[in-house]
Amino acid sequence: MDNKKWDLAALASVPLIMTLGNSMLIPILPQIAKALGISSLMGSMLITVYAVTAILMIPIAGYLSDRFGRKKVIIPSLIITVLGSGISAGAAWLLGGSAAYIVILAGRLLQGIGAAGAFPIVIPLVGDMFSEDEKVSKSLGVIETSNTFGKVLSPILGAFLGSFIWFLPFLAIPVLCAVSLLLVIFLVKSPEHEKTQQSIREFLGTTKDVLQEKGRWLYAIFAIGGIAMFGIFGVQFYLSETLESAYGLTGIVKGLVLAIPLAALCLASYLTGKFTGHKKGLMKWTGFAGMALLTGSLVIIGFSEQIYFVIGFMTAGSIGIGLVLPSMDTLLTEGVEEEQRGTITSLYSSMRFIGVSLGPPVVSLLLGANHWVLFLTLAAVAAAGALLTLLAVKPEESEGEDGTGEVKRVQFKPPAGAAKNLVRK
């Protein structure tokens, strides 16, 4: 792992920058709405259009990474992200009103296309880089920690830049994306990877076979990832709106408050990846404990609107999410053979982006309702995730020398006549 530390550091920059490029806008959404003369719901669409576009494009990026290689997909995707964020930045700086809003949305759409081939492809690439399960687990813990650290830094940096002028965060995003692009180009060495030159029909057929064979636990992990991200972005949107409208907090102070639960999530993600190792049974129960903690925290928050109460228990809930995400990442990555890893993990990433896209608009619509109704709804969704983790995530275990259960990887079986298309890079 030590000889790949620079590769891992460069790859960790991708989720960090991608998260900053999206979450950094959350604390300034009220400012954007005021500056452009749009509603709160229209403002939330700046997050949603990015995520929805990524949802649609991620499976395609996953297939392309399986066929042509991970790095060959990540680099063009980062270039597209730089272009899209540059368009949004230019519109925010030079235009105004509805014209600026429309062009910013277009740039965010292009940015979402680029994001689809960036962070989601990092997960299978890390799986390709290491053969030992424990190194994969620790490395994915680093990647997930980088992702969550981006969420910690986002409200602080977004609010800080927005305190000078509302569109400054838009200007920072393409610069940050360009830095990540350069790091990947010069520091990441592509590992030996089996590429498949399947046709689209063969690709769909083998993907269908994998999903039919292991669909129960795969679908469960997909849903759990989406639920976790729905919780993060939903509550962050709630806190952003409430801190400004009810408590008058803006700028760096608001960003620091928003970062409290996210810092707990970041630390929990790192420790989970570090200590679960290759123990797949432990990963399942760690994920269940995390979803149960999130559910309980959301139920308790429903009893009081007092901001210290909300932040305190949301911090506990964020620790729960930090237990869930690295566990599900590793179970999925190590449970699927390399030849299908990009495709299957891309479906998982799509579900996570669905959670990102639904969180802000759902909470925006529920803000006018009773406080209890809002958090009971969020708690019900989290409870569904806990039940899925308990009942549907059942890693097939084989007894190792130390008695530790290991996930049996899904065996890749190409359709008749397709085996000859498998080539070594």
Foldseek 3Di string as FASTA:
>chain_A
DVVQVLQLVLLLLQLLLLLLLQLLCLLLLVVVCVFQVHDSLLSLVLNQLLLLLLLVQLLVLLLCCLAPNLLVQLLVLLVQLLVLLVQLLCLVPPHHHPSSSVSNSVSSSSNSNSSSSRNLSSLLQLLLVDDFLLSSLLSLLSSVLSNLVSNLVSLQVSQQLVVVPNSRSSVVSSVSSVVSSVSNVPRHDRHWAKHFPDDPVLLVVLVVVLCVVQVLQLVLLLLLLLLLLLLLQQVLSVLSVCCCPPVNDGGNVSSNLSSLLSVLLSVLSNVLSNPCRQQLVVLLVLLLVLLVLLLVLLQQCLVDPPPVSNSVSSSSNSSSSSSNPSSSSSCLSQQADSSCNSNSSSSSVSSNSNSSSPNNSVSVVCVPPRSNVSSNVSSVSSVVSSVSSVPRNDADFDQDPVRGTGHHHDDRDGDPPRVVRTDID
